[in-house]
Amino acid sequence: MAAKDPGLTRTSSAGYEAEMAERRGRRLSLSCRVGMTLRLSLFLHNLKWPLRIDEAWVRWVNGGMFGLEFTGIRPAQRERVRAIIMKAKL
């Protein structure tokens, strides 16, 4: 999956300030290779409950975009991801 840098879609500083106010955690800048996996909770606007990914590896980074490989995902969560992709027709 790929994600775009949210900074690329900002149209005003007021919108940016509102985004920052909603952020629950602190963002850190990091540029290095690490030998670890990630556990993700993806909070999407149109979903009542977050998607839970037990294990994911960052496979590529290009500026503010990145690709993840979900290496540990439960069947119910896999089905939710599939439904989101099919609905978006990606």
C-alpha atoms as a PDB file:
ATOM      1  CA  MET A   1       0.000   0.000   0.000  1.00  0.00           C
ATOM      2  CA  ALA A   2       1.180   3.522  -0.590  1.00  0.00           C
ATOM      3  CA  ALA A   3       0.492   6.643   1.378  1.00  0.00           C
ATOM      4  CA  LYS A   4       0.955  10.223   0.274  1.00  0.00           C
ATOM      5  CA  ASP A   5       2.470  12.893   2.426  1.00  0.00           C
ATOM      6  CA  PRO A   6      -0.489  14.743   3.959  1.00  0.00           C
ATOM      7  CA  GLY A   7       1.506  17.964   3.599  1.00  0.00           C
ATOM      8  CA  LEU A   8       1.175  17.770  -0.170  1.00  0.00           C
ATOM      9  CA  THR A   9      -2.607  18.272  -0.066  1.00  0.00           C
ATOM     10  CA  ARG A  10      -2.765  21.211   2.351  1.00  0.00           C
ATOM     11  CA  THR A  11      -4.311  24.339   0.953  1.00  0.00           C
ATOM     12  CA  SER A  12      -4.096  26.659   3.945  1.00  0.00           C
ATOM     13  CA  SER A  13      -2.257  27.084   7.204  1.00  0.00           C
ATOM     14  CA  ALA A  14      -5.614  26.987   9.028  1.00  0.00           C
ATOM     15  CA  GLY A  15      -6.239  23.498   7.634  1.00  0.00           C
ATOM     16  CA  TYR A  16      -2.762  22.449   8.693  1.00  0.00           C
ATOM     17  CA  GLU A  17      -3.324  23.783  12.214  1.00  0.00           C
ATOM     18  CA  ALA A  18      -6.593  21.838  12.457  1.00  0.00           C
ATOM     19  CA  GLU A  19      -4.798  18.647  11.354  1.00  0.00           C
ATOM     20  CA  MET A  20      -2.091  19.176  13.927  1.00  0.00           C
ATOM     21  CA  ALA A  21      -4.677  19.697  16.685  1.00  0.00           C
ATOM     22  CA  GLU A  22      -6.204  16.285  15.876  1.00  0.00           C
ATOM     23  CA  ARG A  23      -2.884  14.425  15.929  1.00  0.00           C
ATOM     24  CA  ARG A  24      -2.653  12.074  18.906  1.00  0.00           C
ATOM     25  CA  GLY A  25       1.054  11.378  18.799  1.00  0.00           C
ATOM     26  CA  ARG A  26       4.246  13.212  18.125  1.00  0.00           C
ATOM     27  CA  ARG A  27       5.779  12.852  14.644  1.00  0.00           C
ATOM     28  CA  LEU A  28       9.489  12.119  14.489  1.00  0.00           C
ATOM     29  CA  SER A  29      11.741  12.400  11.474  1.00  0.00           C
ATOM     30  CA  LEU A  30      13.915   9.327  10.945  1.00  0.00           C
ATOM     31  CA  SER A  31      16.150   8.380   8.064  1.00  0.00           C
ATOM     32  CA  CYS A  32      17.874   5.028   8.521  1.00  0.00           C
ATOM     33  CA  ARG A  33      17.512   1.339   7.827  1.00  0.00           C
ATOM     34  CA  VAL A  34      16.244  -0.698  10.739  1.00  0.00           C
ATOM     35  CA  GLY A  35      15.741  -4.439  11.140  1.00  0.00           C
ATOM     36  CA  MET A  36      12.340  -4.379  12.803  1.00  0.00           C
ATOM     37  CA  THR A  37       8.715  -4.843  11.958  1.00  0.00           C
ATOM     38  CA  LEU A  38       5.803  -2.512  12.582  1.00  0.00           C
ATOM     39  CA  ARG A  39       2.453  -3.087  14.255  1.00  0.00           C
ATOM     40  CA  LEU A  40      -0.153  -0.753  12.803  1.00  0.00           C
ATOM     41  CA  SER A  41      -3.558   0.583  13.714  1.00  0.00           C
ATOM     42  CA  LEU A  42      -4.968   2.463  10.725  1.00  0.00           C
ATOM     43  CA  PHE A  43      -7.692   4.944  11.628  1.00  0.00           C
ATOM     44  CA  LEU A  44      -9.644   5.698   8.448  1.00  0.00           C
ATOM     45  CA  HIS A  45     -12.390   8.325   8.284  1.00  0.00           C
ATOM     46  CA  ASN A  46     -15.064   6.043   6.855  1.00  0.00           C
ATOM     47  CA  LEU A  47     -14.464   3.116   9.241  1.00  0.00           C
ATOM     48  CA  LYS A  48     -15.893   2.814  12.731  1.00  0.00           C
ATOM     49  CA  TRP A  49     -12.992   0.681  14.009  1.00  0.00           C
ATOM     50  CA  PRO A  50      -9.297   0.878  13.075  1.00  0.00           C
ATOM     51  CA  LEU A  51      -7.658  -1.677  10.820  1.00  0.00           C
ATOM     52  CA  ARG A  52      -5.168  -3.736  12.814  1.00  0.00           C
ATOM     53  CA  ILE A  53      -2.041  -5.005  11.100  1.00  0.00           C
ATOM     54  CA  ASP A  54      -0.017  -7.294  13.358  1.00  0.00           C
ATOM     55  CA  GLU A  55       3.179  -7.098  11.306  1.00  0.00           C
ATOM     56  CA  ALA A  56       4.306  -4.932   8.385  1.00  0.00           C
ATOM     57  CA  TRP A  57       7.643  -4.166   6.741  1.00  0.00           C
ATOM     58  CA  VAL A  58       8.524  -0.895   5.038  1.00  0.00           C
ATOM     59  CA  ARG A  59       9.613  -1.973   1.555  1.00  0.00           C
ATOM     60  CA  TRP A  60      10.316   1.372  -0.109  1.00  0.00           C
ATOM     61  CA  VAL A  61      10.384   5.086   0.616  1.00  0.00           C
ATOM     62  CA  ASN A  62      10.344   7.914  -1.916  1.00  0.00           C
ATOM     63  CA  GLY A  63      10.053  11.351  -0.331  1.00  0.00           C
ATOM     64  CA  GLY A  64       6.743  11.455   1.539  1.00  0.00           C
ATOM     65  CA  MET A  65       5.481   8.194   0.004  1.00  0.00           C
ATOM     66  CA  PHE A  66       6.172   4.669   1.175  1.00  0.00           C
ATOM     67  CA  GLY A  67       5.160   1.082   0.529  1.00  0.00           C
ATOM     68  CA  LEU A  68       4.348  -1.525   3.154  1.00  0.00           C
ATOM     69  CA  GLU A  69       4.194  -5.296   2.987  1.00  0.00           C
ATOM     70  CA  PHE A  70       1.665  -6.730   5.421  1.00  0.00           C
ATOM     71  CA  THR A  71       3.387  -9.896   6.617  1.00  0.00           C
ATOM     72  CA  GLY A  72       1.117 -10.579   9.580  1.00  0.00           C
ATOM     73  CA  ILE A  73      -2.570  -9.829   9.175  1.00  0.00           C
ATOM     74  CA  ARG A  74      -5.571 -11.697  10.564  1.00  0.00           C
ATOM     75  CA  PRO A  75      -8.122 -13.035   8.049  1.00  0.00           C
ATOM     76  CA  ALA A  76     -10.892 -10.642   9.165  1.00  0.00           C
ATOM     77  CA  GLN A  77      -8.553  -7.658   8.791  1.00  0.00           C
ATOM     78  CA  ARG A  78      -7.352  -8.935   5.401  1.00  0.00           C
ATOM     79  CA  GLU A  79     -10.986  -9.021   4.262  1.00  0.00           C
ATOM     80  CA  ARG A  80     -11.509  -5.432   5.454  1.00  0.00           C
ATOM     81  CA  VAL A  81      -8.442  -4.295   3.461  1.00  0.00           C
ATOM     82  CA  ARG A  82      -9.695  -6.177   0.396  1.00  0.00           C
ATOM     83  CA  ALA A  83     -13.141  -4.547   0.701  1.00  0.00           C
ATOM     84  CA  ILE A  84     -11.598  -1.063   0.988  1.00  0.00           C
ATOM     85  CA  ILE A  85      -9.456  -1.631  -2.104  1.00  0.00           C
ATOM     86  CA  MET A  86     -12.372  -3.049  -4.106  1.00  0.00           C
ATOM     87  CA  LYS A  87     -14.607  -0.115  -3.102  1.00  0.00           C
ATOM     88  CA  ALA A  88     -11.910   2.389  -4.129  1.00  0.00           C
ATOM     89  CA  LYS A  89     -11.289   0.410  -7.347  1.00  0.00           C
ATOM     90  CA  LEU A  90      -7.530   0.786  -7.012  1.00  0.00           C
END
